[in-house]
Amino acid sequence: MGRSSIDLYANDVGAPFTEIESFAAYVGGSPTNISVGAQRLGLKTALLTAVGEDPVGDFILHFLQNEGVETRYIPRKPDRRTSAVVLGIEPPDKFPLVYYRDNCADIALTIDDVLATPIAGARAFEFAGTNLSKDPSRSATLFAAEEARRAGVDVVFDIDFRPDQWHDARAFGLAVRAAAPLIDVILGTQDEIKAAVLADPEQVHLTHQQVSDARVSGDVEAAIETLLALGPKALIEKRGEEGARIHLADGTRIEAPGYPVDVYNILGAGDAFAAGFLYGYVNGWDWRQAARLGNACGAIVVTRHGCANFMPTFDEVTAFVEPRGGL
């Protein structure tokens, strides 16, 4: 459950944003990317997002339907626009992106939209932090998490910290901590984990771009302890090329090494990780193996131009990991 968009990726890889001459049009949005990635691996996925009555909405729905993602629960919001994102690619470490989400459709998801879905029949319910940035999406998402927990469905949360979607960085942390008792598994980078407990008065007054660009200071271990104390059974710390570290509520730590590759574009790597992790998690794999599959999916996607359109199949992942020590 969460955002969807048309993503315009720069074709001029390495060019400064001001010198980009053309873009490729793909489908994006963290939960949307994850639904496609998990579907390609072999899970059965349904997406709850919203699009406008516009050609961009048609573009997204057409792609999802071709991928086999269930779209029948996606409402169209006639008074809203489908979201868009424009992205530059300047490897190895500069990937500027601009969101166009004013009056966007997916932030208008309602409790009634949730009630129209078969969420109680799912094996897992995944949502993203940006869902919580505004109502009615915030209330609808918390309601969906409650419904999932009530039905015994595991709730997986991708922290998904997008500073420019929040009026105050502290509000992001408040929303995450309020949702935490409804969550079974949290996924996040070190900076996202620290942002979820952000309280430093010297940082909360930074501009959104400064928070996004800077490494959020603080003790990641303390932040993990804070979040796990609120109820989740596990937090998966995404560590880039180092792989992932699983923190369990009982204090256990499990290392899942990554797969080194040459980075072409990091945008979407976390969503690919989530898709792979969810495949293993839903199929009852152990923590390490599920995270290793996530690492492999992320490693493959960072070598490609976009995200949802470039998610690997299970056969592709198998071919990738076999010469690299397997899962």
C-alpha atoms as a PDB file:
ATOM      1  CA  MET A   1       0.000   0.000   0.000  1.00  0.00           C
ATOM      2  CA  GLY A   2       1.309   3.419  -0.919  1.00  0.00           C
ATOM      3  CA  ARG A   3       2.547   5.679  -3.612  1.00  0.00           C
ATOM      4  CA  SER A   4       2.762   5.127  -7.359  1.00  0.00           C
ATOM      5  CA  SER A   5       4.142   7.383 -10.058  1.00  0.00           C
ATOM      6  CA  ILE A   6       5.513   7.790 -13.508  1.00  0.00           C
ATOM      7  CA  ASP A   7       9.289   7.975 -13.110  1.00  0.00           C
ATOM      8  CA  LEU A   8      11.301   9.914 -15.655  1.00  0.00           C
ATOM      9  CA  TYR A   9      14.907   8.657 -15.530  1.00  0.00           C
ATOM     10  CA  ALA A  10      17.647  10.649 -17.218  1.00  0.00           C
ATOM     11  CA  ASN A  11      19.033   8.962 -20.310  1.00  0.00           C
ATOM     12  CA  ASP A  12      22.151  11.104 -20.030  1.00  0.00           C
ATOM     13  CA  VAL A  13      23.903   9.114 -17.346  1.00  0.00           C
ATOM     14  CA  GLY A  14      26.615  11.138 -15.643  1.00  0.00           C
ATOM     15  CA  ALA A  15      25.333  14.490 -16.897  1.00  0.00           C
ATOM     16  CA  PRO A  16      24.534  17.226 -14.369  1.00  0.00           C
ATOM     17  CA  PHE A  17      20.805  17.701 -13.959  1.00  0.00           C
ATOM     18  CA  THR A  18      20.906  20.990 -15.860  1.00  0.00           C
ATOM     19  CA  GLU A  19      22.392  19.244 -18.896  1.00  0.00           C
ATOM     20  CA  ILE A  20      19.966  16.334 -19.198  1.00  0.00           C
ATOM     21  CA  GLU A  21      18.521  16.160 -22.708  1.00  0.00           C
ATOM     22  CA  SER A  22      16.052  13.270 -22.484  1.00  0.00           C
ATOM     23  CA  PHE A  23      14.322  10.929 -20.059  1.00  0.00           C
ATOM     24  CA  ALA A  24      12.997   7.365 -20.147  1.00  0.00           C
ATOM     25  CA  ALA A  25       9.498   6.806 -18.737  1.00  0.00           C
ATOM     26  CA  TYR A  26       9.096   3.999 -16.203  1.00  0.00           C
ATOM     27  CA  VAL A  27       6.739   3.148 -13.344  1.00  0.00           C
ATOM     28  CA  GLY A  28       7.794   3.879  -9.767  1.00  0.00           C
ATOM     29  CA  GLY A  29       6.841   4.491  -6.156  1.00  0.00           C
ATOM     30  CA  SER A  30       8.248   2.306  -3.382  1.00  0.00           C
ATOM     31  CA  PRO A  31       5.261  -0.031  -2.716  1.00  0.00           C
ATOM     32  CA  THR A  32       4.554  -0.186  -6.455  1.00  0.00           C
ATOM     33  CA  ASN A  33       8.125  -1.214  -7.183  1.00  0.00           C
ATOM     34  CA  ILE A  34       7.979  -3.837  -4.446  1.00  0.00           C
ATOM     35  CA  SER A  35       4.721  -5.289  -5.759  1.00  0.00           C
ATOM     36  CA  VAL A  36       6.265  -5.702  -9.221  1.00  0.00           C
ATOM     37  CA  GLY A  37       9.503  -7.144  -7.865  1.00  0.00           C
ATOM     38  CA  ALA A  38       7.738  -9.677  -5.662  1.00  0.00           C
ATOM     39  CA  GLN A  39       5.405 -10.652  -8.506  1.00  0.00           C
ATOM     40  CA  ARG A  40       8.338 -11.277 -10.847  1.00  0.00           C
ATOM     41  CA  LEU A  41       9.973 -13.500  -8.238  1.00  0.00           C
ATOM     42  CA  GLY A  42       6.818 -15.591  -7.954  1.00  0.00           C
ATOM     43  CA  LEU A  43       4.610 -14.122  -5.228  1.00  0.00           C
ATOM     44  CA  LYS A  44       1.003 -13.166  -5.880  1.00  0.00           C
ATOM     45  CA  THR A  45       0.724  -9.449  -5.210  1.00  0.00           C
ATOM     46  CA  ALA A  46      -2.074  -6.897  -5.093  1.00  0.00           C
ATOM     47  CA  LEU A  47      -1.427  -3.166  -4.905  1.00  0.00           C
ATOM     48  CA  LEU A  48      -3.465  -0.545  -3.083  1.00  0.00           C
ATOM     49  CA  THR A  49      -2.493   2.820  -4.522  1.00  0.00           C
ATOM     50  CA  ALA A  50      -4.549   5.479  -6.301  1.00  0.00           C
ATOM     51  CA  VAL A  51      -4.218   7.214  -9.651  1.00  0.00           C
ATOM     52  CA  GLY A  52      -5.988  10.112 -11.279  1.00  0.00           C
ATOM     53  CA  GLU A  53      -8.356  10.033 -14.228  1.00  0.00           C
ATOM     54  CA  ASP A  54      -5.457  10.917 -16.490  1.00  0.00           C
ATOM     55  CA  PRO A  55      -3.147   9.306 -19.072  1.00  0.00           C
ATOM     56  CA  VAL A  56      -0.406   8.888 -16.479  1.00  0.00           C
ATOM     57  CA  GLY A  57      -2.775   6.748 -14.426  1.00  0.00           C
ATOM     58  CA  ASP A  58      -3.508   4.715 -17.571  1.00  0.00           C
ATOM     59  CA  PHE A  59       0.251   4.288 -18.084  1.00  0.00           C
ATOM     60  CA  ILE A  60       0.770   2.890 -14.572  1.00  0.00           C
ATOM     61  CA  LEU A  61      -2.244   0.580 -14.619  1.00  0.00           C
ATOM     62  CA  HIS A  62      -1.307  -0.790 -18.049  1.00  0.00           C
ATOM     63  CA  PHE A  63       2.185  -1.649 -16.853  1.00  0.00           C
ATOM     64  CA  LEU A  64       0.985  -3.278 -13.644  1.00  0.00           C
ATOM     65  CA  GLN A  65      -1.619  -5.355 -15.467  1.00  0.00           C
ATOM     66  CA  ASN A  66       1.003  -6.590 -17.912  1.00  0.00           C
ATOM     67  CA  GLU A  67       3.175  -7.573 -14.930  1.00  0.00           C
ATOM     68  CA  GLY A  68       0.373  -9.588 -13.346  1.00  0.00           C
ATOM     69  CA  VAL A  69       0.005  -7.347 -10.297  1.00  0.00           C
ATOM     70  CA  GLU A  70      -3.638  -7.247  -9.131  1.00  0.00           C
ATOM     71  CA  THR A  71      -4.989  -3.767  -9.866  1.00  0.00           C
ATOM     72  CA  ARG A  72      -8.708  -4.184  -9.239  1.00  0.00           C
ATOM     73  CA  TYR A  73      -8.458  -2.468  -5.831  1.00  0.00           C
ATOM     74  CA  ILE A  74      -6.739   0.656  -7.176  1.00  0.00           C
ATOM     75  CA  PRO A  75      -9.224   3.553  -7.125  1.00  0.00           C
ATOM     76  CA  ARG A  76      -9.125   6.457  -9.522  1.00  0.00           C
ATOM     77  CA  LYS A  77      -9.460   9.887  -7.940  1.00  0.00           C
ATOM     78  CA  PRO A  78     -11.053  12.264 -10.507  1.00  0.00           C
ATOM     79  CA  ASP A  79     -10.078  15.396  -8.596  1.00  0.00           C
ATOM     80  CA  ARG A  80      -6.429  14.333  -8.214  1.00  0.00           C
ATOM     81  CA  ARG A  81      -3.379  13.890 -10.419  1.00  0.00           C
ATOM     82  CA  THR A  82      -1.234  10.794 -10.681  1.00  0.00           C
ATOM     83  CA  SER A  83       2.175  11.384  -9.104  1.00  0.00           C
ATOM     84  CA  ALA A  84       5.419  11.915 -11.023  1.00  0.00           C
ATOM     85  CA  VAL A  85       9.137  11.849 -10.218  1.00  0.00           C
ATOM     86  CA  VAL A  86      12.075  13.172 -12.251  1.00  0.00           C
ATOM     87  CA  LEU A  87      15.463  11.584 -11.605  1.00  0.00           C
ATOM     88  CA  GLY A  88      19.063  12.283 -12.558  1.00  0.00           C
ATOM     89  CA  ILE A  89      21.811   9.659 -12.612  1.00  0.00           C
ATOM     90  CA  GLU A  90      25.364  10.732 -11.750  1.00  0.00           C
ATOM     91  CA  PRO A  91      27.124   7.628 -10.445  1.00  0.00           C
ATOM     92  CA  PRO A  92      28.614   6.621  -8.131  1.00  0.00           C
ATOM     93  CA  ASP A  93      26.963   8.759  -5.464  1.00  0.00           C
ATOM     94  CA  LYS A  94      24.797  11.545  -6.917  1.00  0.00           C
ATOM     95  CA  PHE A  95      21.214  10.731  -7.868  1.00  0.00           C
ATOM     96  CA  PRO A  96      19.094  13.909  -7.655  1.00  0.00           C
ATOM     97  CA  LEU A  97      15.333  13.451  -7.759  1.00  0.00           C
ATOM     98  CA  VAL A  98      12.346  15.780  -7.738  1.00  0.00           C
ATOM     99  CA  TYR A  99       8.865  14.727  -6.594  1.00  0.00           C
ATOM    100  CA  TYR A 100       5.666  16.086  -8.107  1.00  0.00           C
ATOM    101  CA  ARG A 101       3.081  15.138  -5.493  1.00  0.00           C
ATOM    102  CA  ASP A 102       0.951  18.238  -4.988  1.00  0.00           C
ATOM    103  CA  ASN A 103      -2.673  17.092  -5.005  1.00  0.00           C
ATOM    104  CA  CYS A 104      -1.532  13.561  -5.901  1.00  0.00           C
ATOM    105  CA  ALA A 105      -3.983  10.687  -6.013  1.00  0.00           C
ATOM    106  CA  ASP A 106      -2.313   8.116  -3.763  1.00  0.00           C
ATOM    107  CA  ILE A 107      -2.184  10.413  -0.713  1.00  0.00           C
ATOM    108  CA  ALA A 108      -5.998  10.537  -0.961  1.00  0.00           C
ATOM    109  CA  LEU A 109      -6.422   6.835  -0.173  1.00  0.00           C
ATOM    110  CA  THR A 110      -9.210   6.365   2.395  1.00  0.00           C
ATOM    111  CA  ILE A 111     -10.404   3.860   4.949  1.00  0.00           C
ATOM    112  CA  ASP A 112     -13.163   2.905   2.506  1.00  0.00           C
ATOM    113  CA  ASP A 113     -10.502   2.105  -0.088  1.00  0.00           C
ATOM    114  CA  VAL A 114      -8.879  -0.244   2.426  1.00  0.00           C
ATOM    115  CA  LEU A 115     -12.213  -1.890   3.231  1.00  0.00           C
ATOM    116  CA  ALA A 116     -12.657  -2.688  -0.460  1.00  0.00           C
ATOM    117  CA  THR A 117      -9.510  -4.877  -0.432  1.00  0.00           C
ATOM    118  CA  PRO A 118      -9.071  -8.495   0.729  1.00  0.00           C
ATOM    119  CA  ILE A 119      -6.305  -7.505   3.132  1.00  0.00           C
ATOM    120  CA  ALA A 120      -7.360 -10.092   5.721  1.00  0.00           C
ATOM    121  CA  GLY A 121      -6.604 -12.854   3.210  1.00  0.00           C
ATOM    122  CA  ALA A 122      -3.017 -11.759   2.580  1.00  0.00           C
ATOM    123  CA  ARG A 123       0.111 -13.454   3.873  1.00  0.00           C
ATOM    124  CA  ALA A 124       1.828 -10.106   4.412  1.00  0.00           C
ATOM    125  CA  PHE A 125       0.877  -6.432   4.245  1.00  0.00           C
ATOM    126  CA  GLU A 126       3.632  -3.978   3.277  1.00  0.00           C
ATOM    127  CA  PHE A 127       3.479  -0.198   3.432  1.00  0.00           C
ATOM    128  CA  ALA A 128       5.864   2.759   3.257  1.00  0.00           C
ATOM    129  CA  GLY A 129       6.643   5.702   5.501  1.00  0.00           C
ATOM    130  CA  THR A 130       5.497   8.274   2.959  1.00  0.00           C
ATOM    131  CA  ASN A 131       1.958   6.907   3.393  1.00  0.00           C
ATOM    132  CA  LEU A 132       1.937   8.550   6.816  1.00  0.00           C
ATOM    133  CA  SER A 133       2.869  12.049   5.650  1.00  0.00           C
ATOM    134  CA  LYS A 134      -0.699  13.326   5.181  1.00  0.00           C
ATOM    135  CA  ASP A 135      -4.302  12.399   5.752  1.00  0.00           C
ATOM    136  CA  PRO A 136      -6.419  10.663   4.593  1.00  0.00           C
ATOM    137  CA  SER A 137      -3.622   8.276   3.572  1.00  0.00           C
ATOM    138  CA  ARG A 138      -2.176   8.306   7.092  1.00  0.00           C
ATOM    139  CA  SER A 139      -5.413   7.180   8.739  1.00  0.00           C
ATOM    140  CA  ALA A 140      -6.157   4.689   5.967  1.00  0.00           C
ATOM    141  CA  THR A 141      -2.722   3.102   6.309  1.00  0.00           C
ATOM    142  CA  LEU A 142      -2.941   2.776  10.088  1.00  0.00           C
ATOM    143  CA  PHE A 143      -6.409   1.292   9.683  1.00  0.00           C
ATOM    144  CA  ALA A 144      -5.041  -1.196   7.129  1.00  0.00           C
ATOM    145  CA  ALA A 145      -2.243  -2.198   9.517  1.00  0.00           C
ATOM    146  CA  GLU A 146      -4.808  -2.711  12.292  1.00  0.00           C
ATOM    147  CA  GLU A 147      -6.979  -4.833  10.011  1.00  0.00           C
ATOM    148  CA  ALA A 148      -3.973  -6.908   8.974  1.00  0.00           C
ATOM    149  CA  ARG A 149      -2.872  -7.517  12.563  1.00  0.00           C
ATOM    150  CA  ARG A 150      -6.415  -8.403  13.582  1.00  0.00           C
ATOM    151  CA  ALA A 151      -6.483 -11.047  10.839  1.00  0.00           C
ATOM    152  CA  GLY A 152      -3.079 -12.477  11.744  1.00  0.00           C
ATOM    153  CA  VAL A 153      -1.396 -11.007   8.660  1.00  0.00           C
ATOM    154  CA  ASP A 154       2.247  -9.998   9.090  1.00  0.00           C
ATOM    155  CA  VAL A 155       2.838  -6.254   8.706  1.00  0.00           C
ATOM    156  CA  VAL A 156       6.070  -5.159   7.021  1.00  0.00           C
ATOM    157  CA  PHE A 157       7.087  -1.500   7.038  1.00  0.00           C
ATOM    158  CA  ASP A 158       9.630   0.185   4.768  1.00  0.00           C
ATOM    159  CA  ILE A 159      10.752   3.371   6.570  1.00  0.00           C
ATOM    160  CA  ASP A 160      11.022   5.207   3.228  1.00  0.00           C
ATOM    161  CA  PHE A 161      12.185   8.564   4.616  1.00  0.00           C
ATOM    162  CA  ARG A 162      11.542  11.284   2.007  1.00  0.00           C
ATOM    163  CA  PRO A 163      12.262  14.558   3.836  1.00  0.00           C
ATOM    164  CA  ASP A 164      10.590  16.840   1.310  1.00  0.00           C
ATOM    165  CA  GLN A 165       7.271  15.078   1.889  1.00  0.00           C
ATOM    166  CA  TRP A 166       7.152  16.199   5.534  1.00  0.00           C
ATOM    167  CA  HIS A 167       6.587  19.628   7.034  1.00  0.00           C
ATOM    168  CA  ASP A 168       8.979  18.787   9.895  1.00  0.00           C
ATOM    169  CA  ALA A 169      11.483  15.952  10.228  1.00  0.00           C
ATOM    170  CA  ARG A 170      10.254  15.355  13.788  1.00  0.00           C
ATOM    171  CA  ALA A 171       6.772  14.675  12.461  1.00  0.00           C
ATOM    172  CA  PHE A 172       8.170  11.782  10.445  1.00  0.00           C
ATOM    173  CA  GLY A 173       9.602  10.137  13.547  1.00  0.00           C
ATOM    174  CA  LEU A 174       6.382  10.678  15.491  1.00  0.00           C
ATOM    175  CA  ALA A 175       4.383   8.956  12.760  1.00  0.00           C
ATOM    176  CA  VAL A 176       6.759   6.010  12.557  1.00  0.00           C
ATOM    177  CA  ARG A 177       6.796   5.502  16.311  1.00  0.00           C
ATOM    178  CA  ALA A 178       3.011   5.720  16.469  1.00  0.00           C
ATOM    179  CA  ALA A 179       2.726   2.991  13.833  1.00  0.00           C
ATOM    180  CA  ALA A 180       5.453   0.751  15.297  1.00  0.00           C
ATOM    181  CA  PRO A 181       3.203  -1.285  17.653  1.00  0.00           C
ATOM    182  CA  LEU A 182       1.258  -2.468  14.581  1.00  0.00           C
ATOM    183  CA  ILE A 183       4.398  -3.586  12.723  1.00  0.00           C
ATOM    184  CA  ASP A 184       6.107  -6.977  12.692  1.00  0.00           C
ATOM    185  CA  VAL A 185       9.165  -6.209  10.547  1.00  0.00           C
ATOM    186  CA  ILE A 186      10.846  -2.861   9.783  1.00  0.00           C
ATOM    187  CA  LEU A 187      13.124  -2.305   6.783  1.00  0.00           C
ATOM    188  CA  GLY A 188      15.436   0.710   6.607  1.00  0.00           C
ATOM    189  CA  THR A 189      18.858   2.162   5.945  1.00  0.00           C
ATOM    190  CA  GLN A 190      20.965   3.450   8.818  1.00  0.00           C
ATOM    191  CA  ASP A 191      19.992   7.047   8.067  1.00  0.00           C
ATOM    192  CA  GLU A 192      16.304   6.147   7.866  1.00  0.00           C
ATOM    193  CA  ILE A 193      16.478   4.272  11.158  1.00  0.00           C
ATOM    194  CA  LYS A 194      18.054   7.279  12.860  1.00  0.00           C
ATOM    195  CA  ALA A 195      15.547   9.643  11.255  1.00  0.00           C
ATOM    196  CA  ALA A 196      12.740   7.576  12.777  1.00  0.00           C
ATOM    197  CA  VAL A 197      13.868   8.685  16.242  1.00  0.00           C
ATOM    198  CA  LEU A 198      15.169  12.132  15.251  1.00  0.00           C
ATOM    199  CA  ALA A 199      15.037  14.595  18.147  1.00  0.00           C
ATOM    200  CA  ASP A 200      18.233  16.662  17.820  1.00  0.00           C
ATOM    201  CA  PRO A 201      17.096  20.317  17.817  1.00  0.00           C
ATOM    202  CA  GLU A 202      20.110  21.259  15.706  1.00  0.00           C
ATOM    203  CA  GLN A 203      18.913  18.929  12.953  1.00  0.00           C
ATOM    204  CA  VAL A 204      15.166  19.385  12.921  1.00  0.00           C
ATOM    205  CA  HIS A 205      15.572  22.946  11.657  1.00  0.00           C
ATOM    206  CA  LEU A 206      17.626  21.915   8.651  1.00  0.00           C
ATOM    207  CA  THR A 207      15.969  22.254   5.272  1.00  0.00           C
ATOM    208  CA  HIS A 208      14.491  19.087   3.814  1.00  0.00           C
ATOM    209  CA  GLN A 209      17.285  18.871   1.248  1.00  0.00           C
ATOM    210  CA  GLN A 210      19.949  19.255   3.933  1.00  0.00           C
ATOM    211  CA  VAL A 211      18.422  16.437   5.963  1.00  0.00           C
ATOM    212  CA  SER A 212      18.227  14.318   2.834  1.00  0.00           C
ATOM    213  CA  ASP A 213      21.787  14.998   1.719  1.00  0.00           C
ATOM    214  CA  ALA A 214      23.456  14.828   5.145  1.00  0.00           C
ATOM    215  CA  ARG A 215      23.962  11.687   7.120  1.00  0.00           C
ATOM    216  CA  VAL A 216      21.600  11.983  10.039  1.00  0.00           C
ATOM    217  CA  SER A 217      23.723  11.979  13.179  1.00  0.00           C
ATOM    218  CA  GLY A 218      23.049   9.783  16.139  1.00  0.00           C
ATOM    219  CA  ASP A 219      23.567   6.253  17.391  1.00  0.00           C
ATOM    220  CA  VAL A 220      21.984   3.735  15.029  1.00  0.00           C
ATOM    221  CA  GLU A 221      22.154   0.997  17.675  1.00  0.00           C
ATOM    222  CA  ALA A 222      20.194   3.111  20.141  1.00  0.00           C
ATOM    223  CA  ALA A 223      17.657   3.970  17.444  1.00  0.00           C
ATOM    224  CA  ILE A 224      17.186   0.282  16.647  1.00  0.00           C
ATOM    225  CA  GLU A 225      16.649  -0.520  20.309  1.00  0.00           C
ATOM    226  CA  THR A 226      14.090   2.282  20.570  1.00  0.00           C
ATOM    227  CA  LEU A 227      12.101   1.038  17.587  1.00  0.00           C
ATOM    228  CA  LEU A 228      12.189  -2.643  18.583  1.00  0.00           C
ATOM    229  CA  ALA A 229      11.039  -1.757  22.094  1.00  0.00           C
ATOM    230  CA  LEU A 230       7.803  -0.443  20.564  1.00  0.00           C
ATOM    231  CA  GLY A 231       6.717  -3.884  19.376  1.00  0.00           C
ATOM    232  CA  PRO A 232       8.249  -5.120  16.076  1.00  0.00           C
ATOM    233  CA  LYS A 233       9.859  -8.550  16.202  1.00  0.00           C
ATOM    234  CA  ALA A 234      12.635  -7.649  13.760  1.00  0.00           C
ATOM    235  CA  LEU A 235      14.365  -4.708  12.129  1.00  0.00           C
ATOM    236  CA  ILE A 236      16.319  -5.252   8.916  1.00  0.00           C
ATOM    237  CA  GLU A 237      19.160  -2.754   8.611  1.00  0.00           C
ATOM    238  CA  LYS A 238      20.021  -2.248   4.934  1.00  0.00           C
ATOM    239  CA  ARG A 239      23.763  -1.635   4.657  1.00  0.00           C
ATOM    240  CA  GLY A 240      24.354  -1.144   0.923  1.00  0.00           C
ATOM    241  CA  GLU A 241      27.241  -3.141  -0.492  1.00  0.00           C
ATOM    242  CA  GLU A 242      27.816  -4.678   2.949  1.00  0.00           C
ATOM    243  CA  GLY A 243      24.458  -6.410   2.723  1.00  0.00           C
ATOM    244  CA  ALA A 244      21.974  -6.446   5.581  1.00  0.00           C
ATOM    245  CA  ARG A 245      21.954  -6.965   9.337  1.00  0.00           C
ATOM    246  CA  ILE A 246      18.895  -8.472  10.997  1.00  0.00           C
ATOM    247  CA  HIS A 247      18.145  -7.268  14.536  1.00  0.00           C
ATOM    248  CA  LEU A 248      15.648  -9.406  16.445  1.00  0.00           C
ATOM    249  CA  ALA A 249      13.689  -8.183  19.443  1.00  0.00           C
ATOM    250  CA  ASP A 250      15.473 -10.676  21.728  1.00  0.00           C
ATOM    251  CA  GLY A 251      18.830  -9.072  20.924  1.00  0.00           C
ATOM    252  CA  THR A 252      19.944 -11.579  18.289  1.00  0.00           C
ATOM    253  CA  ARG A 253      21.868 -10.209  15.313  1.00  0.00           C
ATOM    254  CA  ILE A 254      22.188 -12.015  12.006  1.00  0.00           C
ATOM    255  CA  GLU A 255      24.529 -10.916   9.218  1.00  0.00           C
ATOM    256  CA  ALA A 256      23.522 -11.345   5.580  1.00  0.00           C
ATOM    257  CA  PRO A 257      26.489 -10.368   3.367  1.00  0.00           C
ATOM    258  CA  GLY A 258      25.913  -8.498   0.134  1.00  0.00           C
ATOM    259  CA  TYR A 259      26.983  -9.101  -3.458  1.00  0.00           C
ATOM    260  CA  PRO A 260      29.525  -6.501  -4.662  1.00  0.00           C
ATOM    261  CA  VAL A 261      28.782  -5.049  -8.111  1.00  0.00           C
ATOM    262  CA  ASP A 262      29.621  -1.899 -10.057  1.00  0.00           C
ATOM    263  CA  VAL A 263      26.930   0.685  -9.287  1.00  0.00           C
ATOM    264  CA  TYR A 264      25.092   2.235 -12.222  1.00  0.00           C
ATOM    265  CA  ASN A 265      22.014   3.610 -10.435  1.00  0.00           C
ATOM    266  CA  ILE A 266      21.115   3.140  -6.770  1.00  0.00           C
ATOM    267  CA  LEU A 267      17.527   4.380  -7.129  1.00  0.00           C
ATOM    268  CA  GLY A 268      15.175   1.490  -6.438  1.00  0.00           C
ATOM    269  CA  ALA A 269      17.763  -0.813  -4.888  1.00  0.00           C
ATOM    270  CA  GLY A 270      15.978  -0.739  -1.524  1.00  0.00           C
ATOM    271  CA  ASP A 271      12.679  -1.658  -3.150  1.00  0.00           C
ATOM    272  CA  ALA A 272      14.341  -4.570  -4.932  1.00  0.00           C
ATOM    273  CA  PHE A 273      15.753  -5.677  -1.573  1.00  0.00           C
ATOM    274  CA  ALA A 274      12.281  -5.526  -0.042  1.00  0.00           C
ATOM    275  CA  ALA A 275      10.800  -7.594  -2.864  1.00  0.00           C
ATOM    276  CA  GLY A 276      13.421 -10.297  -2.421  1.00  0.00           C
ATOM    277  CA  PHE A 277      13.192 -10.264   1.354  1.00  0.00           C
ATOM    278  CA  LEU A 278       9.393 -10.545   1.216  1.00  0.00           C
ATOM    279  CA  TYR A 279       9.605 -13.516  -1.124  1.00  0.00           C
ATOM    280  CA  GLY A 280      11.774 -15.379   1.351  1.00  0.00           C
ATOM    281  CA  TYR A 281       9.803 -14.199   4.372  1.00  0.00           C
ATOM    282  CA  VAL A 282       6.423 -15.242   2.983  1.00  0.00           C
ATOM    283  CA  ASN A 283       7.831 -18.603   1.919  1.00  0.00           C
ATOM    284  CA  GLY A 284       9.156 -19.350   5.400  1.00  0.00           C
ATOM    285  CA  TRP A 285      12.871 -18.945   4.714  1.00  0.00           C
ATOM    286  CA  ASP A 286      15.161 -18.118   7.618  1.00  0.00           C
ATOM    287  CA  TRP A 287      16.117 -14.491   8.230  1.00  0.00           C
ATOM    288  CA  ARG A 288      19.565 -14.723   6.674  1.00  0.00           C
ATOM    289  CA  GLN A 289      18.479 -16.433   3.484  1.00  0.00           C
ATOM    290  CA  ALA A 290      15.541 -14.066   2.980  1.00  0.00           C
ATOM    291  CA  ALA A 291      17.843 -11.076   3.397  1.00  0.00           C
ATOM    292  CA  ARG A 292      20.431 -12.630   1.082  1.00  0.00           C
ATOM    293  CA  LEU A 293      17.782 -12.899  -1.615  1.00  0.00           C
ATOM    294  CA  GLY A 294      16.962  -9.245  -0.977  1.00  0.00           C
ATOM    295  CA  ASN A 295      20.646  -8.363  -1.288  1.00  0.00           C
ATOM    296  CA  ALA A 296      20.876 -10.195  -4.608  1.00  0.00           C
ATOM    297  CA  CYS A 297      17.825  -8.409  -6.014  1.00  0.00           C
ATOM    298  CA  GLY A 298      19.216  -5.046  -4.898  1.00  0.00           C
ATOM    299  CA  ALA A 299      22.622  -5.814  -6.401  1.00  0.00           C
ATOM    300  CA  ILE A 300      21.049  -6.642  -9.750  1.00  0.00           C
ATOM    301  CA  VAL A 301      18.905  -3.500  -9.850  1.00  0.00           C
ATOM    302  CA  VAL A 302      21.799  -1.121  -9.066  1.00  0.00           C
ATOM    303  CA  THR A 303      23.363  -2.246 -12.352  1.00  0.00           C
ATOM    304  CA  ARG A 304      20.252  -1.220 -14.322  1.00  0.00           C
ATOM    305  CA  HIS A 305      18.673   2.028 -15.501  1.00  0.00           C
ATOM    306  CA  GLY A 306      15.370   2.033 -13.609  1.00  0.00           C
ATOM    307  CA  CYS A 307      13.505   0.182 -10.894  1.00  0.00           C
ATOM    308  CA  ALA A 308      10.106  -1.487 -11.379  1.00  0.00           C
ATOM    309  CA  ASN A 309      10.746  -2.111 -15.064  1.00  0.00           C
ATOM    310  CA  PHE A 310      14.065  -3.785 -14.281  1.00  0.00           C
ATOM    311  CA  MET A 311      13.198  -6.014 -11.328  1.00  0.00           C
ATOM    312  CA  PRO A 312      14.741  -9.499 -11.719  1.00  0.00           C
ATOM    313  CA  THR A 313      12.903 -12.793 -12.053  1.00  0.00           C
ATOM    314  CA  PHE A 314      13.752 -15.685  -9.752  1.00  0.00           C
ATOM    315  CA  ASP A 315      15.657 -17.381 -12.579  1.00  0.00           C
ATOM    316  CA  GLU A 316      17.732 -14.230 -13.084  1.00  0.00           C
ATOM    317  CA  VAL A 317      18.542 -14.092  -9.378  1.00  0.00           C
ATOM    318  CA  THR A 318      19.537 -17.767  -9.379  1.00  0.00           C
ATOM    319  CA  ALA A 319      21.884 -17.197 -12.321  1.00  0.00           C
ATOM    320  CA  PHE A 320      23.347 -14.151 -10.551  1.00  0.00           C
ATOM    321  CA  VAL A 321      24.054 -15.808  -7.184  1.00  0.00           C
ATOM    322  CA  GLU A 322      25.346 -19.197  -8.380  1.00  0.00           C
ATOM    323  CA  PRO A 323      28.847 -17.970  -9.298  1.00  0.00           C
ATOM    324  CA  ARG A 324      28.852 -15.710  -6.209  1.00  0.00           C
ATOM    325  CA  GLY A 325      28.401 -18.327  -3.510  1.00  0.00           C
ATOM    326  CA  GLY A 326      24.633 -18.761  -3.765  1.00  0.00           C
ATOM    327  CA  LEU A 327      22.131 -17.602  -1.173  1.00  0.00           C
END
